[in-house]
Amino acid sequence: MKTAVITGATRGIGLALARLYAKKGYRLVINAGHNKETLDSVAKELGKITDIIPCFGSISLEDTAREITQTALNSFGKIDLLINNAGISHIGLLSDMTAKQWHTLMETNLDSVFFLSRAVIPSMVHRHCGKILNISSVWGEVGASCEAAYSASKGAINALTKALAKELAPSGISVNAISFGVIDTEMNRCFSEEERTALAEEIPAGRFASPEEAALFCYQITQSPEYLTGQILRFDGGWI
């Protein structure tokens, strides 16, 4: 039975991922850093179909990453898959962004990937297998006006994915990222109905993707042979 660690697992893509991997028979360690009650509720829901452990805490902290990893190894003996999904956005001019806002975004989106990847790698190297999947964005590829910091964080994740894949391929570990377009999640519900309609019209597929579709694509990628590594795989309805 395989074990997956999923961050940001209480809403959006993360919640859809947790539900899907639970249904597929994975044991789970799930994390969230903002609402412990919701995290416990998700664990209770999915605990009916699989073994699951909730780990509450900010994934931007090294201690949290260490705790999550140790919990997974102590409870299940191994980590087959790490999905670095936790992330936040920031919309506004870069010139109006405070240093605190910049650091919070980078800590949540990028530092978390570093801390948790670094924590799980030794156990994967020891077993000579494992997969890391990073959740990225098309803005990490092409950039977005008024989302400069978010774009920078996702661009860094893409570069880290490519470099780490080369580092870990000799150990049989694959590292990939999904470059998502517009997914119908809470993060994108800050837009008005008029803005959402205009945005959907820009997408050749004519709509936003659902979190469930996004999760299914992630699952399909993580079932691929380990030879698939170092890739930034776009899922955007033909948008970019």
C-alpha atoms as a PDB file:
ATOM      1  CA  MET A   1       0.000   0.000   0.000  1.00  0.00           C
ATOM      2  CA  LYS A   2       1.466   3.336  -1.033  1.00  0.00           C
ATOM      3  CA  THR A   3       1.785   6.442   1.125  1.00  0.00           C
ATOM      4  CA  ALA A   4       1.303  10.018  -0.081  1.00  0.00           C
ATOM      5  CA  VAL A   5       1.991  13.319   1.679  1.00  0.00           C
ATOM      6  CA  ILE A   6      -0.211  16.174   0.438  1.00  0.00           C
ATOM      7  CA  THR A   7       0.058  19.786   1.589  1.00  0.00           C
ATOM      8  CA  GLY A   8      -2.731  22.348   1.436  1.00  0.00           C
ATOM      9  CA  ALA A   9      -5.238  19.512   1.574  1.00  0.00           C
ATOM     10  CA  THR A  10      -8.341  21.245   2.958  1.00  0.00           C
ATOM     11  CA  ARG A  11      -9.578  23.086  -0.119  1.00  0.00           C
ATOM     12  CA  GLY A  12      -9.345  23.366  -3.883  1.00  0.00           C
ATOM     13  CA  ILE A  13      -6.901  21.132  -5.706  1.00  0.00           C
ATOM     14  CA  GLY A  14      -5.420  19.830  -2.449  1.00  0.00           C
ATOM     15  CA  LEU A  15      -8.754  18.581  -1.155  1.00  0.00           C
ATOM     16  CA  ALA A  16      -9.560  16.982  -4.514  1.00  0.00           C
ATOM     17  CA  LEU A  17      -6.153  15.310  -4.450  1.00  0.00           C
ATOM     18  CA  ALA A  18      -6.669  13.924  -0.953  1.00  0.00           C
ATOM     19  CA  ARG A  19     -10.070  12.512  -1.879  1.00  0.00           C
ATOM     20  CA  LEU A  20      -8.817  10.946  -5.103  1.00  0.00           C
ATOM     21  CA  TYR A  21      -5.687   9.360  -3.660  1.00  0.00           C
ATOM     22  CA  ALA A  22      -7.706   8.015  -0.737  1.00  0.00           C
ATOM     23  CA  LYS A  23     -10.118   6.379  -3.186  1.00  0.00           C
ATOM     24  CA  LYS A  24      -7.161   4.937  -5.080  1.00  0.00           C
ATOM     25  CA  GLY A  25      -5.985   3.180  -1.925  1.00  0.00           C
ATOM     26  CA  TYR A  26      -3.163   5.427  -0.774  1.00  0.00           C
ATOM     27  CA  ARG A  27      -2.473   5.971   2.909  1.00  0.00           C
ATOM     28  CA  LEU A  28      -2.292   9.713   3.501  1.00  0.00           C
ATOM     29  CA  VAL A  29      -0.583  12.309   5.607  1.00  0.00           C
ATOM     30  CA  ILE A  30      -2.331  15.621   4.929  1.00  0.00           C
ATOM     31  CA  ASN A  31      -1.379  19.111   5.992  1.00  0.00           C
ATOM     32  CA  ALA A  32      -2.956  22.542   6.337  1.00  0.00           C
ATOM     33  CA  GLY A  33      -1.800  25.589   8.216  1.00  0.00           C
ATOM     34  CA  HIS A  34      -4.857  27.785   8.626  1.00  0.00           C
ATOM     35  CA  ASN A  35      -7.858  25.820   9.839  1.00  0.00           C
ATOM     36  CA  LYS A  36      -7.300  22.826  12.107  1.00  0.00           C
ATOM     37  CA  GLU A  37     -11.018  22.044  12.376  1.00  0.00           C
ATOM     38  CA  THR A  38     -11.337  21.755   8.605  1.00  0.00           C
ATOM     39  CA  LEU A  39      -8.211  19.585   8.433  1.00  0.00           C
ATOM     40  CA  ASP A  40      -9.591  17.274  11.104  1.00  0.00           C
ATOM     41  CA  SER A  41     -12.928  17.159   9.274  1.00  0.00           C
ATOM     42  CA  VAL A  42     -11.237  16.086   6.037  1.00  0.00           C
ATOM     43  CA  ALA A  43      -9.267  13.449   7.923  1.00  0.00           C
ATOM     44  CA  LYS A  44     -12.469  12.145   9.501  1.00  0.00           C
ATOM     45  CA  GLU A  45     -14.201  11.999   6.102  1.00  0.00           C
ATOM     46  CA  LEU A  46     -11.361  10.159   4.376  1.00  0.00           C
ATOM     47  CA  GLY A  47     -10.541   8.026   7.395  1.00  0.00           C
ATOM     48  CA  LYS A  48     -13.586   5.958   6.494  1.00  0.00           C
ATOM     49  CA  ILE A  49     -11.823   4.648   3.397  1.00  0.00           C
ATOM     50  CA  THR A  50      -8.099   4.782   4.146  1.00  0.00           C
ATOM     51  CA  ASP A  51      -5.490   5.298   6.853  1.00  0.00           C
ATOM     52  CA  ILE A  52      -4.948   9.031   7.191  1.00  0.00           C
ATOM     53  CA  ILE A  53      -3.081  11.332   9.560  1.00  0.00           C
ATOM     54  CA  PRO A  54      -3.648  15.107   9.710  1.00  0.00           C
ATOM     55  CA  CYS A  55      -0.628  17.286  10.494  1.00  0.00           C
ATOM     56  CA  PHE A  56      -1.523  20.876  11.288  1.00  0.00           C
ATOM     57  CA  GLY A  57       1.073  23.620  10.983  1.00  0.00           C
ATOM     58  CA  SER A  58       2.634  26.159   8.648  1.00  0.00           C
ATOM     59  CA  ILE A  59       4.456  24.300   5.905  1.00  0.00           C
ATOM     60  CA  SER A  60       6.729  27.314   5.479  1.00  0.00           C
ATOM     61  CA  LEU A  61       8.469  26.268   8.721  1.00  0.00           C
ATOM     62  CA  GLU A  62      11.292  23.751   8.752  1.00  0.00           C
ATOM     63  CA  ASP A  63       9.987  22.116  11.942  1.00  0.00           C
ATOM     64  CA  THR A  64       6.601  21.428  10.341  1.00  0.00           C
ATOM     65  CA  ALA A  65       8.214  19.759   7.340  1.00  0.00           C
ATOM     66  CA  ARG A  66      10.315  17.607   9.642  1.00  0.00           C
ATOM     67  CA  GLU A  67       7.261  16.666  11.731  1.00  0.00           C
ATOM     68  CA  ILE A  68       5.176  15.719   8.685  1.00  0.00           C
ATOM     69  CA  THR A  69       7.956  13.548   7.284  1.00  0.00           C
ATOM     70  CA  GLN A  70       8.679  11.826  10.572  1.00  0.00           C
ATOM     71  CA  THR A  71       4.981  11.216  11.183  1.00  0.00           C
ATOM     72  CA  ALA A  72       4.618   9.550   7.794  1.00  0.00           C
ATOM     73  CA  LEU A  73       7.717   7.385   8.268  1.00  0.00           C
ATOM     74  CA  ASN A  74       6.872   6.403  11.841  1.00  0.00           C
ATOM     75  CA  SER A  75       3.264   5.553  10.984  1.00  0.00           C
ATOM     76  CA  PHE A  76       3.565   4.019   7.537  1.00  0.00           C
ATOM     77  CA  GLY A  77       7.250   3.192   7.160  1.00  0.00           C
ATOM     78  CA  LYS A  78       7.754   4.969   3.848  1.00  0.00           C
ATOM     79  CA  ILE A  79       6.785   7.892   1.636  1.00  0.00           C
ATOM     80  CA  ASP A  80       6.059   6.986  -1.962  1.00  0.00           C
ATOM     81  CA  LEU A  81       4.741  10.339  -3.094  1.00  0.00           C
ATOM     82  CA  LEU A  82       5.051  13.966  -2.017  1.00  0.00           C
ATOM     83  CA  ILE A  83       2.692  16.513  -3.531  1.00  0.00           C
ATOM     84  CA  ASN A  84       3.739  20.088  -2.759  1.00  0.00           C
ATOM     85  CA  ASN A  85       0.397  21.776  -3.278  1.00  0.00           C
ATOM     86  CA  ALA A  86       0.166  24.475  -0.580  1.00  0.00           C
ATOM     87  CA  GLY A  87       0.231  27.993  -1.931  1.00  0.00           C
ATOM     88  CA  ILE A  88      -1.210  31.495  -1.770  1.00  0.00           C
ATOM     89  CA  SER A  89      -1.653  34.274  -4.305  1.00  0.00           C
ATOM     90  CA  HIS A  90      -1.229  38.038  -4.204  1.00  0.00           C
ATOM     91  CA  ILE A  91      -2.868  40.398  -6.665  1.00  0.00           C
ATOM     92  CA  GLY A  92      -1.608  43.961  -6.933  1.00  0.00           C
ATOM     93  CA  LEU A  93       1.189  46.105  -8.243  1.00  0.00           C
ATOM     94  CA  LEU A  94       4.654  45.007  -7.180  1.00  0.00           C
ATOM     95  CA  SER A  95       5.408  48.596  -6.206  1.00  0.00           C
ATOM     96  CA  ASP A  96       2.550  48.461  -3.676  1.00  0.00           C
ATOM     97  CA  MET A  97       3.618  45.149  -2.162  1.00  0.00           C
ATOM     98  CA  THR A  98       5.163  45.237   1.304  1.00  0.00           C
ATOM     99  CA  ALA A  99       8.267  43.295   2.261  1.00  0.00           C
ATOM    100  CA  LYS A 100       6.162  41.260   4.683  1.00  0.00           C
ATOM    101  CA  GLN A 101       3.704  40.296   1.935  1.00  0.00           C
ATOM    102  CA  TRP A 102       6.574  39.291  -0.348  1.00  0.00           C
ATOM    103  CA  HIS A 103       8.235  37.127   2.300  1.00  0.00           C
ATOM    104  CA  THR A 104       4.945  35.508   3.352  1.00  0.00           C
ATOM    105  CA  LEU A 105       4.177  34.533  -0.226  1.00  0.00           C
ATOM    106  CA  MET A 106       7.684  33.200  -0.889  1.00  0.00           C
ATOM    107  CA  GLU A 107       7.753  31.284   2.393  1.00  0.00           C
ATOM    108  CA  THR A 108       4.400  29.661   1.672  1.00  0.00           C
ATOM    109  CA  ASN A 109       4.885  28.935  -2.020  1.00  0.00           C
ATOM    110  CA  LEU A 110       8.617  28.264  -2.320  1.00  0.00           C
ATOM    111  CA  ASP A 111      10.245  27.664   1.070  1.00  0.00           C
ATOM    112  CA  SER A 112       7.643  24.997   1.785  1.00  0.00           C
ATOM    113  CA  VAL A 113       8.692  23.055  -1.317  1.00  0.00           C
ATOM    114  CA  PHE A 114      12.327  23.253  -0.261  1.00  0.00           C
ATOM    115  CA  PHE A 115      11.759  22.212   3.350  1.00  0.00           C
ATOM    116  CA  LEU A 116       9.447  19.301   2.654  1.00  0.00           C
ATOM    117  CA  SER A 117      11.334  18.001  -0.381  1.00  0.00           C
ATOM    118  CA  ARG A 118      14.580  18.101   1.564  1.00  0.00           C
ATOM    119  CA  ALA A 119      12.928  16.264   4.451  1.00  0.00           C
ATOM    120  CA  VAL A 120      11.533  13.368   2.388  1.00  0.00           C
ATOM    121  CA  ILE A 121      14.449  12.884  -0.023  1.00  0.00           C
ATOM    122  CA  PRO A 122      16.721  10.827   2.281  1.00  0.00           C
ATOM    123  CA  SER A 123      14.070   8.126   2.827  1.00  0.00           C
ATOM    124  CA  MET A 124      13.337   8.007  -0.900  1.00  0.00           C
ATOM    125  CA  VAL A 125      17.027   7.759  -1.762  1.00  0.00           C
ATOM    126  CA  HIS A 126      17.407   4.948   0.767  1.00  0.00           C
ATOM    127  CA  ARG A 127      14.616   2.990  -0.959  1.00  0.00           C
ATOM    128  CA  HIS A 128      15.793   4.057  -4.425  1.00  0.00           C
ATOM    129  CA  CYS A 129      12.273   5.101  -5.404  1.00  0.00           C
ATOM    130  CA  GLY A 130       9.719   7.837  -4.871  1.00  0.00           C
ATOM    131  CA  LYS A 131       7.975  10.679  -6.640  1.00  0.00           C
ATOM    132  CA  ILE A 132       7.713  14.399  -5.991  1.00  0.00           C
ATOM    133  CA  LEU A 133       5.033  16.458  -7.725  1.00  0.00           C
ATOM    134  CA  ASN A 134       5.028  20.243  -7.425  1.00  0.00           C
ATOM    135  CA  ILE A 135       1.878  22.240  -8.121  1.00  0.00           C
ATOM    136  CA  SER A 136       2.801  25.235 -10.257  1.00  0.00           C
ATOM    137  CA  SER A 137       1.080  27.716 -12.555  1.00  0.00           C
ATOM    138  CA  VAL A 138       1.230  28.968 -16.122  1.00  0.00           C
ATOM    139  CA  TRP A 139       2.232  32.302 -14.593  1.00  0.00           C
ATOM    140  CA  GLY A 140       5.486  30.628 -13.596  1.00  0.00           C
ATOM    141  CA  GLU A 141       6.125  30.160 -17.306  1.00  0.00           C
ATOM    142  CA  VAL A 142       4.903  33.410 -18.843  1.00  0.00           C
ATOM    143  CA  GLY A 143       4.316  35.803 -15.914  1.00  0.00           C
ATOM    144  CA  ALA A 144       1.209  37.815 -15.103  1.00  0.00           C
ATOM    145  CA  SER A 145       0.717  41.533 -14.647  1.00  0.00           C
ATOM    146  CA  CYS A 146      -0.247  42.369 -11.051  1.00  0.00           C
ATOM    147  CA  GLU A 147       0.870  38.902  -9.970  1.00  0.00           C
ATOM    148  CA  ALA A 148       4.619  39.410 -10.223  1.00  0.00           C
ATOM    149  CA  ALA A 149       5.493  37.875  -6.862  1.00  0.00           C
ATOM    150  CA  TYR A 150       3.231  34.865  -7.412  1.00  0.00           C
ATOM    151  CA  SER A 151       4.705  34.403 -10.887  1.00  0.00           C
ATOM    152  CA  ALA A 152       8.220  34.608  -9.451  1.00  0.00           C
ATOM    153  CA  SER A 153       7.462  31.952  -6.830  1.00  0.00           C
ATOM    154  CA  LYS A 154       6.036  29.550  -9.415  1.00  0.00           C
ATOM    155  CA  GLY A 155       8.883  30.229 -11.834  1.00  0.00           C
ATOM    156  CA  ALA A 156      11.302  29.314  -9.070  1.00  0.00           C
ATOM    157  CA  ILE A 157       9.374  26.096  -8.418  1.00  0.00           C
ATOM    158  CA  ASN A 158       9.680  25.217 -12.100  1.00  0.00           C
ATOM    159  CA  ALA A 159      13.434  25.763 -12.049  1.00  0.00           C
ATOM    160  CA  LEU A 160      13.776  23.803  -8.818  1.00  0.00           C
ATOM    161  CA  THR A 161      11.751  20.957 -10.333  1.00  0.00           C
ATOM    162  CA  LYS A 162      14.037  20.675 -13.362  1.00  0.00           C
ATOM    163  CA  ALA A 163      17.231  20.875 -11.334  1.00  0.00           C
ATOM    164  CA  LEU A 164      16.119  18.503  -8.576  1.00  0.00           C
ATOM    165  CA  ALA A 165      14.955  15.971 -11.166  1.00  0.00           C
ATOM    166  CA  LYS A 166      18.510  15.777 -12.531  1.00  0.00           C
ATOM    167  CA  GLU A 167      19.867  15.457  -9.014  1.00  0.00           C
ATOM    168  CA  LEU A 168      17.541  12.611  -8.039  1.00  0.00           C
ATOM    169  CA  ALA A 169      17.163  10.635 -11.282  1.00  0.00           C
ATOM    170  CA  PRO A 170      20.207   8.444 -10.482  1.00  0.00           C
ATOM    171  CA  SER A 171      18.362   7.401  -7.301  1.00  0.00           C
ATOM    172  CA  GLY A 172      15.218   6.370  -9.169  1.00  0.00           C
ATOM    173  CA  ILE A 173      13.207   9.365  -7.952  1.00  0.00           C
ATOM    174  CA  SER A 174      11.113  11.440 -10.343  1.00  0.00           C
ATOM    175  CA  VAL A 175      10.346  15.127  -9.873  1.00  0.00           C
ATOM    176  CA  ASN A 176       7.752  16.906 -12.015  1.00  0.00           C
ATOM    177  CA  ALA A 177       5.500  19.949 -11.829  1.00  0.00           C
ATOM    178  CA  ILE A 178       2.019  20.686 -13.130  1.00  0.00           C
ATOM    179  CA  SER A 179       1.609  24.122 -14.667  1.00  0.00           C
ATOM    180  CA  PHE A 180      -2.060  24.840 -14.078  1.00  0.00           C
ATOM    181  CA  GLY A 181      -4.175  27.392 -15.848  1.00  0.00           C
ATOM    182  CA  VAL A 182      -7.403  28.613 -14.257  1.00  0.00           C
ATOM    183  CA  ILE A 183      -8.876  26.095 -11.842  1.00  0.00           C
ATOM    184  CA  ASP A 184     -12.241  26.833 -10.242  1.00  0.00           C
ATOM    185  CA  THR A 185     -10.944  27.100  -6.688  1.00  0.00           C
ATOM    186  CA  GLU A 186     -11.381  29.514  -3.814  1.00  0.00           C
ATOM    187  CA  MET A 187      -8.134  31.225  -4.840  1.00  0.00           C
ATOM    188  CA  ASN A 188      -9.777  32.316  -8.107  1.00  0.00           C
ATOM    189  CA  ARG A 189     -13.101  33.314  -6.579  1.00  0.00           C
ATOM    190  CA  CYS A 190     -11.767  36.761  -5.758  1.00  0.00           C
ATOM    191  CA  PHE A 191     -12.872  37.786  -9.249  1.00  0.00           C
ATOM    192  CA  SER A 192     -16.324  39.164 -10.011  1.00  0.00           C
ATOM    193  CA  GLU A 193     -18.734  37.214 -12.214  1.00  0.00           C
ATOM    194  CA  GLU A 194     -18.009  39.615 -15.051  1.00  0.00           C
ATOM    195  CA  GLU A 195     -14.259  39.069 -14.668  1.00  0.00           C
ATOM    196  CA  ARG A 196     -14.714  35.304 -14.453  1.00  0.00           C
ATOM    197  CA  THR A 197     -16.787  35.299 -17.638  1.00  0.00           C
ATOM    198  CA  ALA A 198     -14.222  37.399 -19.497  1.00  0.00           C
ATOM    199  CA  LEU A 199     -11.424  35.126 -18.301  1.00  0.00           C
ATOM    200  CA  ALA A 200     -13.258  31.981 -19.375  1.00  0.00           C
ATOM    201  CA  GLU A 201     -13.740  33.491 -22.828  1.00  0.00           C
ATOM    202  CA  GLU A 202      -9.955  33.805 -23.169  1.00  0.00           C
ATOM    203  CA  ILE A 203      -9.534  30.063 -22.677  1.00  0.00           C
ATOM    204  CA  PRO A 204      -9.995  28.000 -25.868  1.00  0.00           C
ATOM    205  CA  ALA A 205     -11.739  25.286 -23.832  1.00  0.00           C
ATOM    206  CA  GLY A 206     -14.247  27.975 -22.835  1.00  0.00           C
ATOM    207  CA  ARG A 207     -14.266  27.304 -19.090  1.00  0.00           C
ATOM    208  CA  PHE A 208     -12.267  26.872 -15.908  1.00  0.00           C
ATOM    209  CA  ALA A 209     -11.133  23.365 -15.005  1.00  0.00           C
ATOM    210  CA  SER A 210     -12.599  21.753 -11.900  1.00  0.00           C
ATOM    211  CA  PRO A 211     -10.399  20.761  -8.952  1.00  0.00           C
ATOM    212  CA  GLU A 212     -11.388  17.162  -9.634  1.00  0.00           C
ATOM    213  CA  GLU A 213     -10.067  17.364 -13.206  1.00  0.00           C
ATOM    214  CA  ALA A 214      -6.845  18.881 -11.912  1.00  0.00           C
ATOM    215  CA  ALA A 215      -6.471  16.117  -9.335  1.00  0.00           C
ATOM    216  CA  LEU A 216      -7.095  13.410 -11.927  1.00  0.00           C
ATOM    217  CA  PHE A 217      -4.344  14.800 -14.152  1.00  0.00           C
ATOM    218  CA  CYS A 218      -1.960  14.834 -11.185  1.00  0.00           C
ATOM    219  CA  TYR A 219      -2.841  11.222 -10.434  1.00  0.00           C
ATOM    220  CA  GLN A 220      -2.215  10.174 -14.017  1.00  0.00           C
ATOM    221  CA  ILE A 221       1.205  11.818 -13.978  1.00  0.00           C
ATOM    222  CA  THR A 222       2.197  10.155 -10.711  1.00  0.00           C
ATOM    223  CA  GLN A 223       1.303   6.762 -12.165  1.00  0.00           C
ATOM    224  CA  SER A 224       3.755   7.264 -15.028  1.00  0.00           C
ATOM    225  CA  PRO A 225       7.120   5.470 -15.166  1.00  0.00           C
ATOM    226  CA  GLU A 226       9.967   7.133 -13.274  1.00  0.00           C
ATOM    227  CA  TYR A 227      11.546   7.957 -16.648  1.00  0.00           C
ATOM    228  CA  LEU A 228       9.097  10.857 -16.806  1.00  0.00           C
ATOM    229  CA  THR A 229      11.008  13.420 -14.772  1.00  0.00           C
ATOM    230  CA  GLY A 230      12.097  17.043 -14.896  1.00  0.00           C
ATOM    231  CA  GLN A 231       8.949  18.076 -16.766  1.00  0.00           C
ATOM    232  CA  ILE A 232       6.689  21.098 -16.371  1.00  0.00           C
ATOM    233  CA  LEU A 233       3.395  19.697 -17.650  1.00  0.00           C
ATOM    234  CA  ARG A 234       0.810  22.294 -18.652  1.00  0.00           C
ATOM    235  CA  PHE A 235      -2.913  21.812 -17.931  1.00  0.00           C
ATOM    236  CA  ASP A 236      -4.700  24.944 -19.096  1.00  0.00           C
ATOM    237  CA  GLY A 237      -7.382  24.191 -21.699  1.00  0.00           C
ATOM    238  CA  GLY A 238      -5.152  25.565 -24.470  1.00  0.00           C
ATOM    239  CA  TRP A 239      -4.935  28.978 -22.824  1.00  0.00           C
ATOM    240  CA  ILE A 240      -1.211  29.785 -23.045  1.00  0.00           C
END
